[in-house]
Amino acid sequence: MMSPSIVLEQTESGVILPVQARPGAKQNAITGEHNGALKVSVTQVAEKGKANAALIQVLAKQLGLKKSQISLLSGQTSNRKKFRITEADCQTIRERIQQSL
């Protein structure tokens, strides 16, 4: 069960989802919440955007979205990232996050 502490932001262009990334992990998974962000682990290492691509894949799969709905807004080289999710609202994303945990 997710606490409502993940700070989703509704904008005209979609929902902004903060993500705490863990590249080089044992498995691809949404693992919880950290400092207001969704914690996502990926097996890919953080090089040449591979982990970012893997993060999008995990988010799409776990949240039942198309990869084309998810784009990286900020944090290309940081563990703290922001993704934009289009064609969705905060409520939907929050429910799907809860289901995935």
PDB file of N, CA and C in Angstrom:
ATOM      1  N   MET A   1       0.855  -1.199   0.000  1.00  0.00           N
ATOM      2  CA  MET A   1       0.000   0.000   0.000  1.00  0.00           C
ATOM      3  C   MET A   1       0.885   1.241   0.000  1.00  0.00           C
ATOM      4  N   MET A   2       0.602   2.109  -0.926  1.00  0.00           N
ATOM      5  CA  MET A   2       1.434   3.298  -1.053  1.00  0.00           C
ATOM      6  C   MET A   2       0.874   4.431  -0.211  1.00  0.00           C
ATOM      7  N   SER A   3       1.745   5.085   0.501  1.00  0.00           N
ATOM      8  CA  SER A   3       1.321   6.287   1.184  1.00  0.00           C
ATOM      9  C   SER A   3       1.159   7.365   0.110  1.00  0.00           C
ATOM     10  N   PRO A   4       0.297   8.344   0.353  1.00  0.00           N
ATOM     11  CA  PRO A   4       0.097   9.361  -0.695  1.00  0.00           C
ATOM     12  C   PRO A   4       1.252  10.343  -0.764  1.00  0.00           C
ATOM     13  N   SER A   5       2.437   9.902  -0.369  1.00  0.00           N
ATOM     14  CA  SER A   5       3.552  10.839  -0.279  1.00  0.00           C
ATOM     15  C   SER A   5       4.300  11.016  -1.594  1.00  0.00           C
ATOM     16  N   ILE A   6       3.934  10.248  -2.620  1.00  0.00           N
ATOM     17  CA  ILE A   6       4.554  10.479  -3.919  1.00  0.00           C
ATOM     18  C   ILE A   6       3.911  11.730  -4.506  1.00  0.00           C
ATOM     19  N   VAL A   7       4.740  12.683  -4.832  1.00  0.00           N
ATOM     20  CA  VAL A   7       4.243  13.996  -5.226  1.00  0.00           C
ATOM     21  C   VAL A   7       3.983  14.038  -6.733  1.00  0.00           C
ATOM     22  N   LEU A   8       2.756  13.716  -7.126  1.00  0.00           N
ATOM     23  CA  LEU A   8       2.370  13.793  -8.531  1.00  0.00           C
ATOM     24  C   LEU A   8       1.933  15.215  -8.826  1.00  0.00           C
ATOM     25  N   GLU A   9       2.233  15.672 -10.017  1.00  0.00           N
ATOM     26  CA  GLU A   9       1.882  17.035 -10.395  1.00  0.00           C
ATOM     27  C   GLU A   9       1.127  16.996 -11.720  1.00  0.00           C
ATOM     28  N   GLN A  10      -0.096  17.528 -11.707  1.00  0.00           N
ATOM     29  CA  GLN A  10      -0.902  17.555 -12.934  1.00  0.00           C
ATOM     30  C   GLN A  10      -0.574  18.828 -13.711  1.00  0.00           C
ATOM     31  N   THR A  11      -0.194  18.674 -14.978  1.00  0.00           N
ATOM     32  CA  THR A  11       0.061  19.838 -15.820  1.00  0.00           C
ATOM     33  C   THR A  11      -0.776  19.696 -17.084  1.00  0.00           C
ATOM     34  N   GLU A  12      -0.791  20.718 -17.910  1.00  0.00           N
ATOM     35  CA  GLU A  12      -1.540  20.656 -19.163  1.00  0.00           C
ATOM     36  C   GLU A  12      -1.028  19.543 -20.059  1.00  0.00           C
ATOM     37  N   SER A  13       0.271  19.272 -19.967  1.00  0.00           N
ATOM     38  CA  SER A  13       0.867  18.282 -20.863  1.00  0.00           C
ATOM     39  C   SER A  13       0.891  16.881 -20.276  1.00  0.00           C
ATOM     40  N   GLY A  14       0.413  16.716 -19.047  1.00  0.00           N
ATOM     41  CA  GLY A  14       0.382  15.391 -18.452  1.00  0.00           C
ATOM     42  C   GLY A  14       0.736  15.405 -16.978  1.00  0.00           C
ATOM     43  N   VAL A  15       0.940  14.217 -16.436  1.00  0.00           N
ATOM     44  CA  VAL A  15       1.277  14.069 -15.026  1.00  0.00           C
ATOM     45  C   VAL A  15       2.799  14.001 -14.881  1.00  0.00           C
ATOM     46  N   ILE A  16       3.333  14.795 -13.952  1.00  0.00           N
ATOM     47  CA  ILE A  16       4.764  14.741 -13.676  1.00  0.00           C
ATOM     48  C   ILE A  16       4.972  13.764 -12.519  1.00  0.00           C
ATOM     49  N   LEU A  17       5.761  12.724 -12.789  1.00  0.00           N
ATOM     50  CA  LEU A  17       6.029  11.684 -11.799  1.00  0.00           C
ATOM     51  C   LEU A  17       7.497  11.723 -11.394  1.00  0.00           C
ATOM     52  N   PRO A  18       7.782  12.059 -10.123  1.00  0.00           N
ATOM     53  CA  PRO A  18       9.176  12.030  -9.669  1.00  0.00           C
ATOM     54  C   PRO A  18       9.608  10.590  -9.416  1.00  0.00           C
ATOM     55  N   VAL A  19      10.810  10.254  -9.845  1.00  0.00           N
ATOM     56  CA  VAL A  19      11.310   8.888  -9.702  1.00  0.00           C
ATOM     57  C   VAL A  19      12.694   8.897  -9.061  1.00  0.00           C
ATOM     58  N   GLN A  20      12.872   8.011  -8.096  1.00  0.00           N
ATOM     59  CA  GLN A  20      14.191   7.757  -7.513  1.00  0.00           C
ATOM     60  C   GLN A  20      14.690   6.488  -8.190  1.00  0.00           C
ATOM     61  N   ALA A  21      15.690   6.626  -9.045  1.00  0.00           N
ATOM     62  CA  ALA A  21      16.147   5.498  -9.854  1.00  0.00           C
ATOM     63  C   ALA A  21      17.236   4.711  -9.148  1.00  0.00           C
ATOM     64  N   ARG A  22      17.201   3.390  -9.325  1.00  0.00           N
ATOM     65  CA  ARG A  22      18.264   2.528  -8.809  1.00  0.00           C
ATOM     66  C   ARG A  22      18.786   1.657  -9.943  1.00  0.00           C
ATOM     67  N   PRO A  23      19.730   2.189 -10.725  1.00  0.00           N
ATOM     68  CA  PRO A  23      20.297   1.391 -11.817  1.00  0.00           C
ATOM     69  C   PRO A  23      21.217   0.299 -11.281  1.00  0.00           C
ATOM     70  N   GLY A  24      21.407  -0.732 -12.082  1.00  0.00           N
ATOM     71  CA  GLY A  24      22.302  -1.813 -11.684  1.00  0.00           C
ATOM     72  C   GLY A  24      21.744  -2.686 -10.582  1.00  0.00           C
ATOM     73  N   ALA A  25      20.408  -2.719 -10.440  1.00  0.00           N
ATOM     74  CA  ALA A  25      19.771  -3.524  -9.396  1.00  0.00           C
ATOM     75  C   ALA A  25      19.628  -4.973  -9.864  1.00  0.00           C
ATOM     76  N   LYS A  26      19.156  -5.837  -8.973  1.00  0.00           N
ATOM     77  CA  LYS A  26      19.001  -7.255  -9.306  1.00  0.00           C
ATOM     78  C   LYS A  26      17.832  -7.500 -10.246  1.00  0.00           C
ATOM     79  N   GLN A  27      16.801  -6.661 -10.132  1.00  0.00           N
ATOM     80  CA  GLN A  27      15.623  -6.878 -10.977  1.00  0.00           C
ATOM     81  C   GLN A  27      14.986  -5.558 -11.371  1.00  0.00           C
ATOM     82  N   ASN A  28      14.156  -5.614 -12.412  1.00  0.00           N
ATOM     83  CA  ASN A  28      13.390  -4.456 -12.843  1.00  0.00           C
ATOM     84  C   ASN A  28      12.093  -4.438 -12.043  1.00  0.00           C
ATOM     85  N   ALA A  29      11.891  -3.403 -11.236  1.00  0.00           N
ATOM     86  CA  ALA A  29      10.688  -3.360 -10.406  1.00  0.00           C
ATOM     87  C   ALA A  29      10.453  -1.984  -9.817  1.00  0.00           C
ATOM     88  N   ILE A  30       9.189  -1.722  -9.523  1.00  0.00           N
ATOM     89  CA  ILE A  30       8.837  -0.560  -8.710  1.00  0.00           C
ATOM     90  C   ILE A  30       8.916  -1.057  -7.270  1.00  0.00           C
ATOM     91  N   THR A  31       9.752  -0.414  -6.474  1.00  0.00           N
ATOM     92  CA  THR A  31      10.043  -0.986  -5.164  1.00  0.00           C
ATOM     93  C   THR A  31       9.502  -0.168  -3.996  1.00  0.00           C
ATOM     94  N   GLY A  32       8.811   0.939  -4.272  1.00  0.00           N
ATOM     95  CA  GLY A  32       8.252   1.701  -3.165  1.00  0.00           C
ATOM     96  C   GLY A  32       8.364   3.189  -3.376  1.00  0.00           C
ATOM     97  N   GLU A  33       8.567   3.892  -2.269  1.00  0.00           N
ATOM     98  CA  GLU A  33       8.563   5.346  -2.294  1.00  0.00           C
ATOM     99  C   GLU A  33       9.787   5.840  -1.540  1.00  0.00           C
ATOM    100  N   HIS A  34      10.368   6.946  -2.007  1.00  0.00           N
ATOM    101  CA  HIS A  34      11.533   7.516  -1.337  1.00  0.00           C
ATOM    102  C   HIS A  34      11.499   9.034  -1.486  1.00  0.00           C
ATOM    103  N   ASN A  35      11.395   9.747  -0.380  1.00  0.00           N
ATOM    104  CA  ASN A  35      11.406  11.223  -0.403  1.00  0.00           C
ATOM    105  C   ASN A  35      10.441  11.812  -1.424  1.00  0.00           C
ATOM    106  N   GLY A  36       9.219  11.313  -1.463  1.00  0.00           N
ATOM    107  CA  GLY A  36       8.222  11.888  -2.362  1.00  0.00           C
ATOM    108  C   GLY A  36       8.308  11.401  -3.793  1.00  0.00           C
ATOM    109  N   ALA A  37       9.208  10.449  -4.054  1.00  0.00           N
ATOM    110  CA  ALA A  37       9.369   9.943  -5.418  1.00  0.00           C
ATOM    111  C   ALA A  37       9.088   8.445  -5.451  1.00  0.00           C
ATOM    112  N   LEU A  38       8.710   7.970  -6.618  1.00  0.00           N
ATOM    113  CA  LEU A  38       8.505   6.545  -6.826  1.00  0.00           C
ATOM    114  C   LEU A  38       9.868   5.891  -6.990  1.00  0.00           C
ATOM    115  N   LYS A  39      10.132   4.841  -6.225  1.00  0.00           N
ATOM    116  CA  LYS A  39      11.426   4.163  -6.288  1.00  0.00           C
ATOM    117  C   LYS A  39      11.346   3.057  -7.342  1.00  0.00           C
ATOM    118  N   VAL A  40      12.218   3.147  -8.345  1.00  0.00           N
ATOM    119  CA  VAL A  40      12.211   2.171  -9.432  1.00  0.00           C
ATOM    120  C   VAL A  40      13.615   1.598  -9.608  1.00  0.00           C
ATOM    121  N   SER A  41      13.705   0.277  -9.578  1.00  0.00           N
ATOM    122  CA  SER A  41      14.983  -0.412  -9.780  1.00  0.00           C
ATOM    123  C   SER A  41      15.034  -0.974 -11.190  1.00  0.00           C
ATOM    124  N   VAL A  42      16.195  -0.840 -11.823  1.00  0.00           N
ATOM    125  CA  VAL A  42      16.406  -1.449 -13.142  1.00  0.00           C
ATOM    126  C   VAL A  42      17.750  -2.165 -13.146  1.00  0.00           C
ATOM    127  N   THR A  43      17.831  -3.243 -13.936  1.00  0.00           N
ATOM    128  CA  THR A  43      19.066  -4.017 -13.993  1.00  0.00           C
ATOM    129  C   THR A  43      20.116  -3.317 -14.849  1.00  0.00           C
ATOM    130  N   GLN A  44      19.664  -2.455 -15.762  1.00  0.00           N
ATOM    131  CA  GLN A  44      20.603  -1.732 -16.631  1.00  0.00           C
ATOM    132  C   GLN A  44      21.496  -0.814 -15.805  1.00  0.00           C
ATOM    133  N   VAL A  45      22.743  -0.692 -16.234  1.00  0.00           N
ATOM    134  CA  VAL A  45      23.642   0.252 -15.574  1.00  0.00           C
ATOM    135  C   VAL A  45      23.414   1.641 -16.166  1.00  0.00           C
ATOM    136  N   ALA A  46      23.805   2.654 -15.398  1.00  0.00           N
ATOM    137  CA  ALA A  46      23.580   4.031 -15.825  1.00  0.00           C
ATOM    138  C   ALA A  46      24.662   4.474 -16.794  1.00  0.00           C
ATOM    139  N   GLU A  47      24.509   4.122 -18.068  1.00  0.00           N
ATOM    140  CA  GLU A  47      25.443   4.610 -19.071  1.00  0.00           C
ATOM    141  C   GLU A  47      24.716   4.839 -20.385  1.00  0.00           C
ATOM    142  N   LYS A  48      25.033   5.951 -21.040  1.00  0.00           N
ATOM    143  CA  LYS A  48      24.467   6.289 -22.347  1.00  0.00           C
ATOM    144  C   LYS A  48      22.945   6.182 -22.396  1.00  0.00           C
ATOM    145  N   GLY A  49      22.297   6.536 -21.290  1.00  0.00           N
ATOM    146  CA  GLY A  49      20.832   6.553 -21.294  1.00  0.00           C
ATOM    147  C   GLY A  49      20.165   5.188 -21.240  1.00  0.00           C
ATOM    148  N   LYS A  50      20.952   4.127 -21.066  1.00  0.00           N
ATOM    149  CA  LYS A  50      20.372   2.775 -21.027  1.00  0.00           C
ATOM    150  C   LYS A  50      19.432   2.608 -19.846  1.00  0.00           C
ATOM    151  N   ALA A  51      19.842   3.098 -18.684  1.00  0.00           N
ATOM    152  CA  ALA A  51      18.998   2.961 -17.494  1.00  0.00           C
ATOM    153  C   ALA A  51      17.713   3.774 -17.659  1.00  0.00           C
ATOM    154  N   ASN A  52      17.813   4.951 -18.274  1.00  0.00           N
ATOM    155  CA  ASN A  52      16.618   5.770 -18.502  1.00  0.00           C
ATOM    156  C   ASN A  52      15.622   5.045 -19.395  1.00  0.00           C
ATOM    157  N   ALA A  53      16.115   4.407 -20.449  1.00  0.00           N
ATOM    158  CA  ALA A  53      15.245   3.641 -21.345  1.00  0.00           C
ATOM    159  C   ALA A  53      14.611   2.479 -20.584  1.00  0.00           C
ATOM    160  N   ALA A  54      15.408   1.829 -19.735  1.00  0.00           N
ATOM    161  CA  ALA A  54      14.894   0.717 -18.935  1.00  0.00           C
ATOM    162  C   ALA A  54      13.838   1.185 -17.941  1.00  0.00           C
ATOM    163  N   LEU A  55      14.053   2.372 -17.365  1.00  0.00           N
ATOM    164  CA  LEU A  55      13.075   2.932 -16.427  1.00  0.00           C
ATOM    165  C   LEU A  55      11.731   3.145 -17.116  1.00  0.00           C
ATOM    166  N   ILE A  56      11.775   3.695 -18.311  1.00  0.00           N
ATOM    167  CA  ILE A  56      10.539   3.934 -19.061  1.00  0.00           C
ATOM    168  C   ILE A  56       9.834   2.607 -19.329  1.00  0.00           C
ATOM    169  N   GLN A  57      10.619   1.595 -19.670  1.00  0.00           N
ATOM    170  CA  GLN A  57      10.045   0.279 -19.929  1.00  0.00           C
ATOM    171  C   GLN A  57       9.362  -0.288 -18.679  1.00  0.00           C
ATOM    172  N   VAL A  58      10.025  -0.179 -17.534  1.00  0.00           N
ATOM    173  CA  VAL A  58       9.465  -0.693 -16.278  1.00  0.00           C
ATOM    174  C   VAL A  58       8.202   0.078 -15.911  1.00  0.00           C
ATOM    175  N   LEU A  59       8.260   1.406 -16.024  1.00  0.00           N
ATOM    176  CA  LEU A  59       7.081   2.218 -15.696  1.00  0.00           C
ATOM    177  C   LEU A  59       5.907   1.856 -16.593  1.00  0.00           C
ATOM    178  N   ALA A  60       6.168   1.709 -17.886  1.00  0.00           N
ATOM    179  CA  ALA A  60       5.098   1.381 -18.834  1.00  0.00           C
ATOM    180  C   ALA A  60       4.474   0.034 -18.479  1.00  0.00           C
ATOM    181  N   LYS A  61       5.337  -0.944 -18.245  1.00  0.00           N
ATOM    182  CA  LYS A  61       4.842  -2.298 -17.952  1.00  0.00           C
ATOM    183  C   LYS A  61       4.078  -2.333 -16.631  1.00  0.00           C
ATOM    184  N   GLN A  62       4.678  -1.772 -15.593  1.00  0.00           N
ATOM    185  CA  GLN A  62       4.086  -1.854 -14.255  1.00  0.00           C
ATOM    186  C   GLN A  62       2.826  -0.999 -14.108  1.00  0.00           C
ATOM    187  N   LEU A  63       2.767   0.104 -14.847  1.00  0.00           N
ATOM    188  CA  LEU A  63       1.632   1.015 -14.692  1.00  0.00           C
ATOM    189  C   LEU A  63       0.619   0.870 -15.826  1.00  0.00           C
ATOM    190  N   GLY A  64       0.832  -0.121 -16.685  1.00  0.00           N
ATOM    191  CA  GLY A  64      -0.117  -0.369 -17.767  1.00  0.00           C
ATOM    192  C   GLY A  64      -0.218   0.781 -18.752  1.00  0.00           C
ATOM    193  N   LEU A  65       0.925   1.353 -19.103  1.00  0.00           N
ATOM    194  CA  LEU A  65       0.963   2.482 -20.032  1.00  0.00           C
ATOM    195  C   LEU A  65       1.739   2.091 -21.279  1.00  0.00           C
ATOM    196  N   LYS A  66       1.576   2.901 -22.324  1.00  0.00           N
ATOM    197  CA  LYS A  66       2.409   2.713 -23.514  1.00  0.00           C
ATOM    198  C   LYS A  66       3.713   3.470 -23.282  1.00  0.00           C
ATOM    199  N   LYS A  67       4.807   2.924 -23.812  1.00  0.00           N
ATOM    200  CA  LYS A  67       6.099   3.607 -23.635  1.00  0.00           C
ATOM    201  C   LYS A  67       6.054   5.014 -24.226  1.00  0.00           C
ATOM    202  N   SER A  68       5.253   5.180 -25.287  1.00  0.00           N
ATOM    203  CA  SER A  68       5.162   6.492 -25.939  1.00  0.00           C
ATOM    204  C   SER A  68       4.491   7.546 -25.048  1.00  0.00           C
ATOM    205  N   GLN A  69       3.818   7.095 -23.971  1.00  0.00           N
ATOM    206  CA  GLN A  69       3.166   8.036 -23.052  1.00  0.00           C
ATOM    207  C   GLN A  69       4.142   8.610 -22.030  1.00  0.00           C
ATOM    208  N   ILE A  70       5.326   8.012 -21.943  1.00  0.00           N
ATOM    209  CA  ILE A  70       6.262   8.374 -20.876  1.00  0.00           C
ATOM    210  C   ILE A  70       7.512   9.013 -21.462  1.00  0.00           C
ATOM    211  N   SER A  71       7.864  10.181 -20.958  1.00  0.00           N
ATOM    212  CA  SER A  71       9.104  10.805 -21.413  1.00  0.00           C
ATOM    213  C   SER A  71       9.862  11.377 -20.222  1.00  0.00           C
ATOM    214  N   LEU A  72      11.176  11.355 -20.328  1.00  0.00           N
ATOM    215  CA  LEU A  72      12.030  11.873 -19.264  1.00  0.00           C
ATOM    216  C   LEU A  72      12.106  13.394 -19.386  1.00  0.00           C
ATOM    217  N   LEU A  73      11.702  14.078 -18.328  1.00  0.00           N
ATOM    218  CA  LEU A  73      11.717  15.544 -18.328  1.00  0.00           C
ATOM    219  C   LEU A  73      13.035  16.098 -17.807  1.00  0.00           C
ATOM    220  N   SER A  74      13.501  15.524 -16.708  1.00  0.00           N
ATOM    221  CA  SER A  74      14.732  16.034 -16.098  1.00  0.00           C
ATOM    222  C   SER A  74      15.437  14.927 -15.334  1.00  0.00           C
ATOM    223  N   GLY A  75      16.719  15.135 -15.083  1.00  0.00           N
ATOM    224  CA  GLY A  75      17.498  14.175 -14.317  1.00  0.00           C
ATOM    225  C   GLY A  75      18.155  13.109 -15.173  1.00  0.00           C
ATOM    226  N   GLN A  76      18.486  13.454 -16.418  1.00  0.00           N
ATOM    227  CA  GLN A  76      19.112  12.490 -17.342  1.00  0.00           C
ATOM    228  C   GLN A  76      20.241  11.717 -16.682  1.00  0.00           C
ATOM    229  N   THR A  77      21.096  12.422 -15.941  1.00  0.00           N
ATOM    230  CA  THR A  77      22.281  11.770 -15.370  1.00  0.00           C
ATOM    231  C   THR A  77      22.207  11.665 -13.851  1.00  0.00           C
ATOM    232  N   SER A  78      21.036  11.954 -13.293  1.00  0.00           N
ATOM    233  CA  SER A  78      20.863  11.928 -11.842  1.00  0.00           C
ATOM    234  C   SER A  78      20.017  10.714 -11.453  1.00  0.00           C
ATOM    235  N   ASN A  79      20.084  10.308 -10.195  1.00  0.00           N
ATOM    236  CA  ASN A  79      19.201   9.242  -9.726  1.00  0.00           C
ATOM    237  C   ASN A  79      17.798   9.766  -9.474  1.00  0.00           C
ATOM    238  N   ARG A  80      17.721  11.083  -9.350  1.00  0.00           N
ATOM    239  CA  ARG A  80      16.440  11.744  -9.102  1.00  0.00           C
ATOM    240  C   ARG A  80      15.921  12.259 -10.437  1.00  0.00           C
ATOM    241  N   LYS A  81      14.828  11.703 -10.902  1.00  0.00           N
ATOM    242  CA  LYS A  81      14.341  12.029 -12.243  1.00  0.00           C
ATOM    243  C   LYS A  81      12.889  12.491 -12.199  1.00  0.00           C
ATOM    244  N   LYS A  82      12.485  13.148 -13.267  1.00  0.00           N
ATOM    245  CA  LYS A  82      11.075  13.484 -13.428  1.00  0.00           C
ATOM    246  C   LYS A  82      10.628  13.000 -14.796  1.00  0.00           C
ATOM    247  N   PHE A  83       9.546  12.230 -14.787  1.00  0.00           N
ATOM    248  CA  PHE A  83       8.967  11.733 -16.028  1.00  0.00           C
ATOM    249  C   PHE A  83       7.624  12.393 -16.258  1.00  0.00           C
ATOM    250  N   ARG A  84       7.306  12.649 -17.524  1.00  0.00           N
ATOM    251  CA  ARG A  84       5.987  13.152 -17.881  1.00  0.00           C
ATOM    252  C   ARG A  84       5.189  11.981 -18.444  1.00  0.00           C
ATOM    253  N   ILE A  85       3.970  11.818 -17.933  1.00  0.00           N
ATOM    254  CA  ILE A  85       3.075  10.782 -18.440  1.00  0.00           C
ATOM    255  C   ILE A  85       1.885  11.475 -19.083  1.00  0.00           C
ATOM    256  N   THR A  86       1.698  11.238 -20.372  1.00  0.00           N
ATOM    257  CA  THR A  86       0.600  11.880 -21.098  1.00  0.00           C
ATOM    258  C   THR A  86      -0.629  10.976 -21.105  1.00  0.00           C
ATOM    259  N   GLU A  87      -1.758  11.548 -21.484  1.00  0.00           N
ATOM    260  CA  GLU A  87      -3.031  10.817 -21.591  1.00  0.00           C
ATOM    261  C   GLU A  87      -3.396  10.108 -20.295  1.00  0.00           C
ATOM    262  N   ALA A  88      -3.129  10.751 -19.169  1.00  0.00           N
ATOM    263  CA  ALA A  88      -3.478  10.174 -17.870  1.00  0.00           C
ATOM    264  C   ALA A  88      -3.642  11.311 -16.868  1.00  0.00           C
ATOM    265  N   ASP A  89      -4.306  11.012 -15.742  1.00  0.00           N
ATOM    266  CA  ASP A  89      -4.408  12.013 -14.684  1.00  0.00           C
ATOM    267  C   ASP A  89      -3.800  11.459 -13.395  1.00  0.00           C
ATOM    268  N   CYS A  90      -3.637  12.330 -12.434  1.00  0.00           N
ATOM    269  CA  CYS A  90      -2.974  11.952 -11.173  1.00  0.00           C
ATOM    270  C   CYS A  90      -3.673  10.774 -10.506  1.00  0.00           C
ATOM    271  N   GLN A  91      -5.000  10.811 -10.496  1.00  0.00           N
ATOM    272  CA  GLN A  91      -5.778   9.757  -9.841  1.00  0.00           C
ATOM    273  C   GLN A  91      -5.472   8.389 -10.448  1.00  0.00           C
ATOM    274  N   THR A  92      -5.499   8.328 -11.772  1.00  0.00           N
ATOM    275  CA  THR A  92      -5.221   7.068 -12.479  1.00  0.00           C
ATOM    276  C   THR A  92      -3.826   6.564 -12.160  1.00  0.00           C
ATOM    277  N   ILE A  93      -2.845   7.454 -12.243  1.00  0.00           N
ATOM    278  CA  ILE A  93      -1.459   7.069 -11.998  1.00  0.00           C
ATOM    279  C   ILE A  93      -1.298   6.598 -10.555  1.00  0.00           C
ATOM    280  N   ARG A  94      -1.906   7.316  -9.613  1.00  0.00           N
ATOM    281  CA  ARG A  94      -1.808   6.941  -8.199  1.00  0.00           C
ATOM    282  C   ARG A  94      -2.384   5.533  -7.981  1.00  0.00           C
ATOM    283  N   GLU A  95      -3.540   5.254  -8.584  1.00  0.00           N
ATOM    284  CA  GLU A  95      -4.173   3.940  -8.438  1.00  0.00           C
ATOM    285  C   GLU A  95      -3.281   2.848  -9.015  1.00  0.00           C
ATOM    286  N   ARG A  96      -2.700   3.138 -10.168  1.00  0.00           N
ATOM    287  CA  ARG A  96      -1.853   2.126 -10.817  1.00  0.00           C
ATOM    288  C   ARG A  96      -0.562   1.889 -10.043  1.00  0.00           C
ATOM    289  N   ILE A  97      -0.046   2.951  -9.421  1.00  0.00           N
ATOM    290  CA  ILE A  97       1.141   2.793  -8.575  1.00  0.00           C
ATOM    291  C   ILE A  97       0.792   1.892  -7.396  1.00  0.00           C
ATOM    292  N   GLN A  98      -0.369   2.135  -6.785  1.00  0.00           N
ATOM    293  CA  GLN A  98      -0.785   1.314  -5.651  1.00  0.00           C
ATOM    294  C   GLN A  98      -0.919  -0.148  -6.054  1.00  0.00           C
ATOM    295  N   GLN A  99      -1.482  -0.394  -7.219  1.00  0.00           N
ATOM    296  CA  GLN A  99      -1.644  -1.771  -7.686  1.00  0.00           C
ATOM    297  C   GLN A  99      -0.299  -2.438  -7.947  1.00  0.00           C
ATOM    298  N   SER A 100       0.674  -1.642  -8.344  1.00  0.00           N
ATOM    299  CA  SER A 100       1.968  -2.224  -8.710  1.00  0.00           C
ATOM    300  C   SER A 100       2.851  -2.513  -7.508  1.00  0.00           C
ATOM    301  N   LEU A 101       2.504  -1.944  -6.359  1.00  0.00           N
ATOM    302  CA  LEU A 101       3.339  -2.144  -5.165  1.00  0.00           C
ATOM    303  C   LEU A 101       2.940  -3.388  -4.393  1.00  0.00           C
TER     304      LEU A 101
END
